[in-house]
Amino acid sequence: MGTYAEASTPELKAELDTLNKAYTEFKAKGLSLNMARGKPSPEQLELAKPLLDCVNSTTDVSAYTKADVFNYGGLDGIPEAKALMAQMMDVPAENVIVCGNASLNIMYDMVSRAMTHGVLNQKPWCQAGPVKFLCPVPGYDRHFAITEHFGIMMVNIPLREDGPDMDLVEQIVAEDNTVKGIWCVPKYANPSGVCYSDEVVARLGALKPAAPDFRIYWDNAYTVHHLDPAHPVKIASIKTACEEGGNPNMWYEFASTSKISFAGAGIAAIAASDANIEDINRQMAFQTIGYDKINQLRHVVFFKDLDGINAHMAKHAAILAPKFAKVRETLDAELTPTGVGKWTDPKGGYFITFTGMPGTAKRIVELAAGAGVKMTGAGAPFPYKKDPEDNVIRIAPSYPSLDELSQACALFCLCVKIASIEKIIATH
């Protein structure tokens, strides 16, 4: 039949009848699979189980740290944990604060503090009138949820293969002093897998914002999450780019071990300039006396250093890479001949982005759910959950087993075909 675009209406209707019968058969299987979020699989979490044995009642804690991990104090984390996270984030240890188990929590706190108390002695955002954030799209839904929660207006910025559309970013930031930040997932971006080029990082660091309290929220969540550890993608340092661009205080970097050790019991950190770190510590002192230093020590004892983290992540890659390959192979085999849709081929991270025909994403997700496969909601990778083209879907291959993933991918492709033919026939 060739591609769907080349087919006649009778051919498409006949094909749709066949696809609907196959869909009915899938429904009869009673599947219950979840591909909605990028959760580590049970096999991945099992890799970190020995971490739980690293610190116990017989451990000579003094052999690892001089910090008192059992008592109050140590607001910014034990020195060894700061050093470990600094290696991963490619910054000096003195520019790191180690917090709790989730970087999302830190990002929320940073926006909240800016709203109520301002940034480096600037007026609190809640007193500054309208506040806007730039949001590269498709992007991370939880970033958008934070800004929406605080009533911050979000501005879509197209995400290209090398990062955000910098011509647009530079223009908006320079002209509008209500723009206070930009969300960035610079490496293996959620959900596209895009890695920012050196040129894009340099241009970000050299921005000339109209707002003196403008900040780059550099969520380096996937910095060590390579699918091929022998060929990791390297990106430029946002710290260096901002310093060389004359903006030493314009960056906040976030990272965690949430998809390295345990998703709910890792450690998270923020890195920033000396002035920003001082400002954060000053405000954080009202919030807490210190985070879980015993958990910080566990991670230090277990990973030791960046080499230890990389060795551990190679084990993750051995589990994840075949799953990403399975998704790509199925999409290539099932959808390439139809001519509908395209998809990313990430070198790391947790997601694949599928882009279908305009006006089909919601229908595809609806069909998949009807046959027992839960996908990320259509629109989720956009502010306010509004995909202007209704054609982008985030695929999260990590959690299902390989066998479950095979079934889910086959169903997904079936749903894409059905939704696409329905759309084409409707236009005829």
Foldseek 3Di string as FASTA:
>chain_A
DFALVPDDLVVLVVVLVVLVVVLVVLLVVVAAAEFADQAFAPVLQVLQVCLVVLDDPPDPVVVQAPDPLVDFADAQFTQLLLQFVCQLQVHDSVQKRWAFADLLVVVLVVLVCQQPPNALPDDRLVPVPAAEEEEAPLAALSVLVSCVVVVHHYDYFHADLQGTPLVVVLVCQAPDQRYAEYEEQQACGVAAQHHHAQVRLLSVLQRDGPHLNHAYEHEPAWSLFFLDLVDDDDHDRNCVSNVVNVRNFRYKYKYWCLSQHNVRGTMIMIGGHPSRVVVVSVVCVVVGSHHNRVRSSSCCSQQVHPVSSNVSSVVVSVQVNVLLVLLVVLCCVQPVRNVFWDKHNHRGDFKIKIFGAFPQQQQLQVSLVSSNYHFHHQQSSDNVSDDPRSGIGIGGRRHDHSVSSNSSSNSSSSSRSNSVSVVVSVVD
